């Protein structure tokens, strides 16, 4: 299995009163991501009470694009108007150095 060289980062701002729903949604998304063979690692993050994030890594562009068109991305965009103050902005990143786990 090749090392990850690409990543995605999404910062999410929960609507007031939706913080627990966002945390639950992100935790529940793990099962969907486990089925994605091209996703090397996936992290759901909480920065503070209302700020969350997703960080994931991929070995190649094919895996990254499969994730962007997969079940988690679809669910995220469908739930966005209900859960988030603003639409999620997905940032595509190149990884410069990686220490595999």
C-alpha atoms as a PDB file:
ATOM      1  CA  UNK A   1       0.000   0.000   0.000  1.00  0.00           C
ATOM      2  CA  UNK A   2       1.492   3.339  -1.015  1.00  0.00           C
ATOM      3  CA  UNK A   3       1.903   6.184   1.441  1.00  0.00           C
ATOM      4  CA  UNK A   4      -0.597   9.015   1.396  1.00  0.00           C
ATOM      5  CA  UNK A   5       0.465  12.049  -0.610  1.00  0.00           C
ATOM      6  CA  UNK A   6      -2.829  13.929  -0.930  1.00  0.00           C
ATOM      7  CA  UNK A   7      -5.337  15.179   1.626  1.00  0.00           C
ATOM      8  CA  UNK A   8      -8.575  17.057   2.182  1.00  0.00           C
ATOM      9  CA  UNK A   9      -9.444  19.454   4.980  1.00  0.00           C
ATOM     10  CA  UNK A  10     -12.879  20.831   5.812  1.00  0.00           C
ATOM     11  CA  UNK A  11     -13.607  23.256   8.668  1.00  0.00           C
ATOM     12  CA  UNK A  12     -17.236  23.183   9.837  1.00  0.00           C
ATOM     13  CA  UNK A  13     -19.078  25.719  12.000  1.00  0.00           C
ATOM     14  CA  UNK A  14     -22.176  24.320  13.697  1.00  0.00           C
ATOM     15  CA  UNK A  15     -25.327  26.375  13.896  1.00  0.00           C
ATOM     16  CA  UNK A  16     -26.201  27.355  17.473  1.00  0.00           C
ATOM     17  CA  UNK A  17     -27.885  24.440  19.188  1.00  0.00           C
ATOM     18  CA  UNK A  18     -26.694  21.928  16.547  1.00  0.00           C
ATOM     19  CA  UNK A  19     -23.296  21.147  18.097  1.00  0.00           C
ATOM     20  CA  UNK A  20     -24.263  17.718  19.447  1.00  0.00           C
ATOM     21  CA  UNK A  21     -25.888  16.770  16.130  1.00  0.00           C
ATOM     22  CA  UNK A  22     -22.723  17.715  14.245  1.00  0.00           C
ATOM     23  CA  UNK A  23     -20.583  15.646  16.631  1.00  0.00           C
ATOM     24  CA  UNK A  24     -22.923  12.685  16.216  1.00  0.00           C
ATOM     25  CA  UNK A  25     -23.035  13.058  12.427  1.00  0.00           C
ATOM     26  CA  UNK A  26     -19.235  13.098  12.169  1.00  0.00           C
ATOM     27  CA  UNK A  27     -18.795  10.150  14.525  1.00  0.00           C
ATOM     28  CA  UNK A  28     -21.366   8.159  12.554  1.00  0.00           C
ATOM     29  CA  UNK A  29     -19.629   8.883   9.239  1.00  0.00           C
ATOM     30  CA  UNK A  30     -16.700   6.664  10.245  1.00  0.00           C
ATOM     31  CA  UNK A  31     -18.543   3.514   9.173  1.00  0.00           C
ATOM     32  CA  UNK A  32     -19.098   4.936   5.688  1.00  0.00           C
ATOM     33  CA  UNK A  33     -15.439   5.893   5.341  1.00  0.00           C
ATOM     34  CA  UNK A  34     -14.247   2.437   6.379  1.00  0.00           C
ATOM     35  CA  UNK A  35     -15.773   1.094   3.156  1.00  0.00           C
ATOM     36  CA  UNK A  36     -13.677   3.451   1.003  1.00  0.00           C
ATOM     37  CA  UNK A  37     -10.610   1.569  -0.171  1.00  0.00           C
ATOM     38  CA  UNK A  38      -8.886   4.724  -1.466  1.00  0.00           C
ATOM     39  CA  UNK A  39      -9.120   6.651   1.806  1.00  0.00           C
ATOM     40  CA  UNK A  40      -5.910   5.989   3.778  1.00  0.00           C
ATOM     41  CA  UNK A  41      -6.857   7.851   6.959  1.00  0.00           C
ATOM     42  CA  UNK A  42      -9.844   9.898   8.097  1.00  0.00           C
ATOM     43  CA  UNK A  43     -10.208  12.106  11.154  1.00  0.00           C
ATOM     44  CA  UNK A  44     -13.250  13.896  12.535  1.00  0.00           C
ATOM     45  CA  UNK A  45     -12.067  16.849  14.644  1.00  0.00           C
ATOM     46  CA  UNK A  46     -13.493  19.200  17.237  1.00  0.00           C
ATOM     47  CA  UNK A  47     -11.669  22.492  17.777  1.00  0.00           C
ATOM     48  CA  UNK A  48     -14.091  24.067  20.236  1.00  0.00           C
ATOM     49  CA  UNK A  49     -17.772  23.855  21.176  1.00  0.00           C
ATOM     50  CA  UNK A  50     -19.036  24.836  17.704  1.00  0.00           C
ATOM     51  CA  UNK A  51     -16.062  24.345  15.360  1.00  0.00           C
ATOM     52  CA  UNK A  52     -15.404  20.949  13.796  1.00  0.00           C
ATOM     53  CA  UNK A  53     -13.334  19.592  10.965  1.00  0.00           C
ATOM     54  CA  UNK A  54     -12.550  16.636   8.765  1.00  0.00           C
ATOM     55  CA  UNK A  55      -9.048  15.678   7.638  1.00  0.00           C
ATOM     56  CA  UNK A  56      -8.410  12.707   5.381  1.00  0.00           C
ATOM     57  CA  UNK A  57      -5.525  11.340   3.333  1.00  0.00           C
ATOM     58  CA  UNK A  58      -5.169   9.499   0.031  1.00  0.00           C
ATOM     59  CA  UNK A  59      -2.409   7.785  -1.927  1.00  0.00           C
ATOM     60  CA  UNK A  60      -3.602   9.170  -5.255  1.00  0.00           C
ATOM     61  CA  UNK A  61      -6.062  11.465  -6.973  1.00  0.00           C
ATOM     62  CA  UNK A  62      -8.343   8.552  -7.864  1.00  0.00           C
ATOM     63  CA  UNK A  63      -8.894   7.802  -4.153  1.00  0.00           C
ATOM     64  CA  UNK A  64      -9.438  11.462  -3.323  1.00  0.00           C
ATOM     65  CA  UNK A  65     -11.993  11.900  -6.103  1.00  0.00           C
ATOM     66  CA  UNK A  66     -13.796   8.702  -5.096  1.00  0.00           C
ATOM     67  CA  UNK A  67     -14.126  10.110  -1.576  1.00  0.00           C
ATOM     68  CA  UNK A  68     -15.350  13.485  -2.852  1.00  0.00           C
ATOM     69  CA  UNK A  69     -18.111  11.745  -4.795  1.00  0.00           C
ATOM     70  CA  UNK A  70     -18.837   9.138  -2.116  1.00  0.00           C
ATOM     71  CA  UNK A  71     -21.408   8.650   0.612  1.00  0.00           C
ATOM     72  CA  UNK A  72     -19.791  10.859   3.267  1.00  0.00           C
ATOM     73  CA  UNK A  73     -19.416  13.868   0.968  1.00  0.00           C
ATOM     74  CA  UNK A  74     -22.993  13.411  -0.238  1.00  0.00           C
ATOM     75  CA  UNK A  75     -24.352  13.198   3.317  1.00  0.00           C
ATOM     76  CA  UNK A  76     -22.269  16.212   4.370  1.00  0.00           C
ATOM     77  CA  UNK A  77     -23.668  18.380   1.599  1.00  0.00           C
ATOM     78  CA  UNK A  78     -27.238  17.209   2.225  1.00  0.00           C
ATOM     79  CA  UNK A  79     -27.015  17.992   5.951  1.00  0.00           C
ATOM     80  CA  UNK A  80     -25.082  21.259   5.512  1.00  0.00           C
ATOM     81  CA  UNK A  81     -28.075  23.652   5.425  1.00  0.00           C
ATOM     82  CA  UNK A  82     -29.503  22.083   8.577  1.00  0.00           C
ATOM     83  CA  UNK A  83     -26.316  21.755  10.635  1.00  0.00           C
ATOM     84  CA  UNK A  84     -23.797  24.410   9.570  1.00  0.00           C
ATOM     85  CA  UNK A  85     -23.689  28.224   9.649  1.00  0.00           C
ATOM     86  CA  UNK A  86     -22.067  28.253   6.209  1.00  0.00           C
ATOM     87  CA  UNK A  87     -21.530  25.788   3.389  1.00  0.00           C
ATOM     88  CA  UNK A  88     -18.515  23.512   3.906  1.00  0.00           C
ATOM     89  CA  UNK A  89     -15.399  24.528   1.988  1.00  0.00           C
ATOM     90  CA  UNK A  90     -13.339  21.500   1.007  1.00  0.00           C
ATOM     91  CA  UNK A  91      -9.623  22.254   0.643  1.00  0.00           C
ATOM     92  CA  UNK A  92      -7.430  19.943  -1.419  1.00  0.00           C
ATOM     93  CA  UNK A  93      -3.904  19.601   0.008  1.00  0.00           C
ATOM     94  CA  UNK A  94      -0.594  18.037  -1.013  1.00  0.00           C
ATOM     95  CA  UNK A  95       1.209  16.284   1.833  1.00  0.00           C
ATOM     96  CA  UNK A  96       4.893  17.241   2.045  1.00  0.00           C
ATOM     97  CA  UNK A  97       5.950  14.701   4.668  1.00  0.00           C
ATOM     98  CA  UNK A  98       4.182  11.793   6.356  1.00  0.00           C
ATOM     99  CA  UNK A  99       5.069   9.501   9.248  1.00  0.00           C
ATOM    100  CA  UNK A 100       2.920   6.416   8.722  1.00  0.00           C
ATOM    101  CA  UNK A 101       1.250   4.929  11.775  1.00  0.00           C
END
